Amino acid sequence: MNKNFMQSVDMVFLQEHHLSPSRVDSYGSLFSGSWTHFWSPAIGESYNKAGVCIALAQKWSSHVIDYRILVEGRVQVIIVEIQNLQLGFINVYAHNASADRRRLWSYLCDTLPHVDHWCMVGDFNMIEDKLDRSGGSEAVLYGSELSFWERLCFKYGFQDTWYSSSFSKHVESLQFSRSDRRLLGTNLARVDKFYADDFFLTLGGSLHILAGTTFSDHSPLIVTLKKAGK
């Protein structure tokens, strides 16, 4: 990863890295400098599905009090303690099928440990609003999956920061985070998101879907949080 970019961020959340357990260690060098990384390898017979990773800059490493893999290759949780507040970060790579996502939302709703505040980031492989898609199917969350998703969001106070007045959008931000290359980029969707509770919404910040990625059909989402009291 670009050295200057890595020096400017505190946390990195990766989804769908497709790395087997034997390859994970060799890819730690992606994070130049003193980073702590937590990997959940890819799954499947050929390790060709999913895989998630959370990487923390050195200044955050000493604040980690808990780390868990909730779903192999798909969901991991890290909890840090700052000024007597326990803050939980969830990294999600959701399933493509609605029925599988429904079970995932239900499981998370019943399984997340207790902390003071949560935020959730990742590739959710679904959209909640037609504005988050251009081309292709117009389907949005519906039916039983919508019920389980709303239950999860209600329990933990999750809101999509993209539609929050507390978060501005970078002037150069893309509107969508995924472009289907098989359809020559005509099927666009915002499936990579940052959900936050009232604590993070009160802090506010900015969002930037960064253009220029060549090794993935997803563009990275850069989230900048304001410091408390500023």
Protein backbone atom coordinates (compact mmCIF):
# COMPACT_ATOMS: atom_id res chain seq x y z
CA MET A 1 0.00 0.00 0.00
CA ASN A 2 1.10 3.55 -0.67
CA LYS A 3 3.38 4.65 2.17
CA ASN A 4 2.09 8.22 2.35
CA PHE A 5 -1.49 6.97 2.43
CA MET A 6 -0.75 4.48 5.22
CA GLN A 7 0.87 7.21 7.31
CA SER A 8 -2.35 9.23 7.13
CA VAL A 9 -4.78 6.57 8.42
CA ASP A 10 -5.34 4.91 11.79
CA MET A 11 -7.37 1.83 10.87
CA VAL A 12 -7.84 -0.26 7.74
CA PHE A 13 -10.73 -2.68 7.18
CA LEU A 14 -10.37 -5.16 4.32
CA GLN A 15 -13.01 -7.46 2.88
CA GLU A 16 -12.84 -10.32 0.37
CA HIS A 17 -9.05 -10.62 0.34
CA HIS A 18 -9.16 -14.31 -0.80
CA LEU A 19 -6.03 -15.21 1.18
CA SER A 20 -5.54 -18.72 2.54
CA PRO A 21 -4.10 -19.24 6.05
CA SER A 22 -0.69 -20.03 4.55
CA ARG A 23 -0.64 -16.77 2.56
CA VAL A 24 -1.88 -14.40 5.25
CA ASP A 25 1.49 -13.92 6.99
CA SER A 26 3.29 -12.95 3.80
CA TYR A 27 0.76 -10.21 3.13
CA GLY A 28 1.41 -8.45 6.42
CA SER A 29 4.09 -6.47 4.58
CA LEU A 30 1.29 -4.60 2.84
CA PHE A 31 1.13 -2.48 5.97
CA SER A 32 4.39 -0.56 6.06
CA GLY A 33 5.56 0.66 9.45
CA SER A 34 4.39 -0.49 12.87
CA TRP A 35 0.95 -1.91 12.25
CA THR A 36 -0.95 -4.61 14.10
CA HIS A 37 -3.11 -6.77 11.86
CA PHE A 38 -5.88 -9.22 12.64
CA TRP A 39 -6.73 -11.66 9.87
CA SER A 40 -9.58 -14.05 9.24
CA PRO A 41 -8.52 -16.10 6.19
CA ALA A 42 -10.65 -16.83 3.17
CA ILE A 43 -13.03 -19.79 3.24
CA GLY A 44 -14.09 -22.50 0.79
CA GLU A 45 -12.30 -25.57 -0.54
CA SER A 46 -9.81 -23.47 -2.49
CA TYR A 47 -9.89 -20.47 -0.14
CA ASN A 48 -11.52 -18.52 -2.94
CA LYS A 49 -14.30 -16.91 -0.91
CA ALA A 50 -14.45 -14.00 1.50
CA GLY A 51 -11.67 -13.22 4.01
CA VAL A 52 -11.46 -10.12 6.22
CA CYS A 53 -8.73 -8.16 7.98
CA ILE A 54 -8.46 -5.27 10.44
CA ALA A 55 -5.17 -3.37 10.69
CA LEU A 56 -4.38 -0.78 13.35
CA ALA A 57 -1.69 1.87 13.41
CA GLN A 58 0.75 1.61 16.31
CA LYS A 59 -0.91 4.33 18.41
CA TRP A 60 -4.11 2.28 18.57
CA SER A 61 -2.60 -1.11 19.31
CA SER A 62 -2.15 -0.53 23.03
CA HIS A 63 -5.83 0.36 23.37
CA VAL A 64 -7.10 -3.02 22.13
CA ILE A 65 -8.88 -4.95 24.88
CA ASP A 66 -10.67 -7.63 22.84
CA TYR A 67 -10.63 -9.19 19.39
CA ARG A 68 -13.01 -11.84 18.08
CA ILE A 69 -13.85 -13.59 14.83
CA LEU A 70 -17.61 -13.95 14.89
CA VAL A 71 -17.97 -15.59 11.46
CA GLU A 72 -14.92 -17.13 9.80
CA GLY A 73 -13.88 -15.11 6.78
CA ARG A 74 -16.81 -12.73 7.12
CA VAL A 75 -17.14 -10.91 10.43
CA GLN A 76 -14.53 -9.80 12.96
CA VAL A 77 -14.80 -7.47 15.92
CA ILE A 78 -12.20 -5.37 17.66
CA ILE A 79 -12.80 -3.42 20.87
CA VAL A 80 -10.63 -0.54 22.04
CA GLU A 81 -10.77 1.44 25.26
CA ILE A 82 -10.23 5.20 25.11
CA GLN A 83 -10.75 7.50 28.12
CA ASN A 84 -12.82 4.83 29.91
CA LEU A 85 -15.04 4.31 26.86
CA GLN A 86 -15.19 0.93 25.16
CA LEU A 87 -15.61 1.38 21.41
CA GLY A 88 -16.42 -1.57 19.17
CA PHE A 89 -15.58 -1.81 15.46
CA ILE A 90 -17.22 -4.50 13.32
CA ASN A 91 -15.72 -5.52 9.98
CA VAL A 92 -18.30 -7.21 7.73
CA TYR A 93 -18.19 -9.02 4.42
CA ALA A 94 -21.81 -10.03 3.94
CA HIS A 95 -23.14 -12.89 1.82
CA ASN A 96 -24.54 -12.39 -1.66
CA ALA A 97 -27.76 -14.28 -0.96
CA SER A 98 -30.52 -12.54 0.96
CA ALA A 99 -31.35 -15.63 3.03
CA ASP A 100 -27.72 -15.92 4.19
CA ARG A 101 -27.57 -12.23 5.04
CA ARG A 102 -30.79 -12.53 7.01
CA ARG A 103 -29.22 -15.22 9.19
CA LEU A 104 -26.09 -13.07 9.55
CA TRP A 105 -28.03 -10.01 10.76
CA SER A 106 -29.92 -12.18 13.23
CA TYR A 107 -26.70 -13.76 14.52
CA LEU A 108 -24.97 -10.40 14.99
CA CYS A 109 -27.99 -8.98 16.79
CA ASP A 110 -27.80 -11.79 19.34
CA THR A 111 -24.02 -12.21 19.56
CA LEU A 112 -22.25 -8.84 19.75
CA PRO A 113 -20.62 -8.29 23.17
CA HIS A 114 -21.58 -5.33 25.31
CA VAL A 115 -19.59 -2.13 24.74
CA ASP A 116 -20.38 1.56 25.16
CA HIS A 117 -20.59 2.33 21.43
CA TRP A 118 -20.49 0.46 18.14
CA CYS A 119 -19.77 1.22 14.52
CA MET A 120 -19.88 -1.21 11.60
CA VAL A 121 -17.99 -1.01 8.33
CA GLY A 122 -17.65 -3.27 5.34
CA ASP A 123 -19.08 -4.69 2.15
CA PHE A 124 -22.74 -5.37 2.90
CA ASN A 125 -23.67 -6.69 -0.55
CA MET A 126 -27.07 -5.02 -0.33
CA ILE A 127 -28.66 -1.62 -0.65
CA GLU A 128 -31.39 0.05 1.38
CA ASP A 129 -32.34 2.81 -1.05
CA LYS A 130 -32.74 2.91 -4.83
CA LEU A 131 -30.49 5.98 -4.84
CA ASP A 132 -27.62 3.65 -3.94
CA ARG A 133 -27.74 1.84 -7.28
CA SER A 134 -27.39 2.82 -10.93
CA GLY A 135 -28.17 0.21 -13.56
CA GLY A 136 -28.96 -3.44 -13.03
CA SER A 137 -31.59 -4.67 -10.60
CA GLU A 138 -33.54 -2.09 -8.63
CA ALA A 139 -34.10 -4.51 -5.74
CA VAL A 140 -33.56 -3.18 -2.23
CA LEU A 141 -33.85 -4.80 1.18
CA TYR A 142 -37.30 -6.30 1.66
CA GLY A 143 -39.25 -9.01 3.45
CA SER A 144 -37.73 -11.04 6.24
CA GLU A 145 -34.18 -9.78 5.61
CA LEU A 146 -35.36 -6.21 6.07
CA SER A 147 -36.99 -7.17 9.38
CA PHE A 148 -33.80 -8.75 10.74
CA TRP A 149 -31.67 -5.86 9.45
CA GLU A 150 -33.92 -3.27 11.09
CA ARG A 151 -33.82 -5.24 14.33
CA LEU A 152 -30.01 -5.15 14.30
CA CYS A 153 -29.89 -1.44 13.51
CA PHE A 154 -32.50 -0.57 16.12
CA LYS A 155 -30.78 -2.55 18.87
CA TYR A 156 -27.38 -0.92 18.33
CA GLY A 157 -28.50 2.43 16.97
CA PHE A 158 -26.81 1.98 13.59
CA GLN A 159 -27.34 4.67 10.96
CA ASP A 160 -25.85 4.95 7.49
CA THR A 161 -23.44 7.89 7.79
CA TRP A 162 -23.77 8.60 4.06
CA TYR A 163 -27.19 10.09 4.77
CA SER A 164 -26.27 11.77 8.05
CA SER A 165 -25.95 15.55 8.23
CA SER A 166 -23.03 15.00 10.64
CA PHE A 167 -20.88 13.61 7.82
CA SER A 168 -19.92 15.64 4.80
CA LYS A 169 -18.93 14.11 1.47
CA HIS A 170 -15.55 14.92 -0.02
CA VAL A 171 -15.87 17.10 -3.10
CA GLU A 172 -14.11 14.42 -5.20
CA SER A 173 -15.99 11.46 -3.73
CA LEU A 174 -17.62 8.97 -6.06
CA GLN A 175 -21.31 8.28 -5.57
CA PHE A 176 -20.95 4.50 -5.79
CA SER A 177 -18.33 2.12 -4.40
CA ARG A 178 -18.73 -0.87 -6.71
CA SER A 179 -18.59 -1.15 -10.48
CA ASP A 180 -19.34 -4.48 -12.14
CA ARG A 181 -16.54 -4.90 -14.66
CA ARG A 182 -18.37 -7.77 -16.37
CA LEU A 183 -20.95 -5.19 -17.45
CA LEU A 184 -18.33 -2.61 -18.47
CA GLY A 185 -18.97 -0.53 -15.40
CA THR A 186 -22.64 0.09 -16.14
CA ASN A 187 -23.90 -1.60 -12.95
CA LEU A 188 -22.96 0.67 -10.04
CA ALA A 189 -23.84 0.34 -6.36
CA ARG A 190 -22.92 1.77 -2.96
CA VAL A 191 -22.50 -1.47 -1.02
CA ASP A 192 -19.42 -0.44 1.01
CA LYS A 193 -20.67 1.56 3.99
CA PHE A 194 -19.99 2.94 7.44
CA TYR A 195 -22.77 2.55 10.00
CA ALA A 196 -22.48 4.31 13.34
CA ASP A 197 -24.37 4.91 16.57
CA ASP A 198 -25.13 8.29 18.14
CA PHE A 199 -21.67 8.63 19.68
CA PHE A 200 -19.88 8.51 16.32
CA LEU A 201 -22.62 10.55 14.66
CA THR A 202 -22.14 13.26 17.28
CA LEU A 203 -18.42 13.34 16.49
CA GLY A 204 -19.20 13.69 12.80
CA GLY A 205 -16.66 13.70 10.03
CA SER A 206 -16.35 13.17 6.29
CA LEU A 207 -16.71 10.38 3.75
CA HIS A 208 -14.74 9.86 0.55
CA ILE A 209 -15.25 7.02 -1.91
CA LEU A 210 -11.84 7.16 -3.53
CA ALA A 211 -11.40 6.80 -7.29
CA GLY A 212 -8.46 5.14 -8.97
CA THR A 213 -8.50 1.55 -7.67
CA THR A 214 -7.33 -0.91 -10.33
CA PHE A 215 -6.98 -4.23 -8.48
CA SER A 216 -10.60 -4.44 -7.33
CA ASP A 217 -14.08 -3.65 -8.62
CA HIS A 218 -14.65 -1.88 -5.28
CA SER A 219 -13.40 1.61 -4.50
CA PRO A 220 -12.12 2.25 -0.95
CA LEU A 221 -14.27 4.24 1.44
CA ILE A 222 -12.24 6.71 3.51
CA VAL A 223 -13.90 7.74 6.78
CA THR A 224 -12.51 10.69 8.72
CA LEU A 225 -13.84 11.21 12.25
CA LYS A 226 -13.59 14.51 14.08
CA LYS A 227 -11.92 14.50 17.49
CA ALA A 228 -14.14 14.91 20.53
CA GLY A 229 -14.51 18.56 21.46
CA LYS A 230 -13.48 19.83 18.00
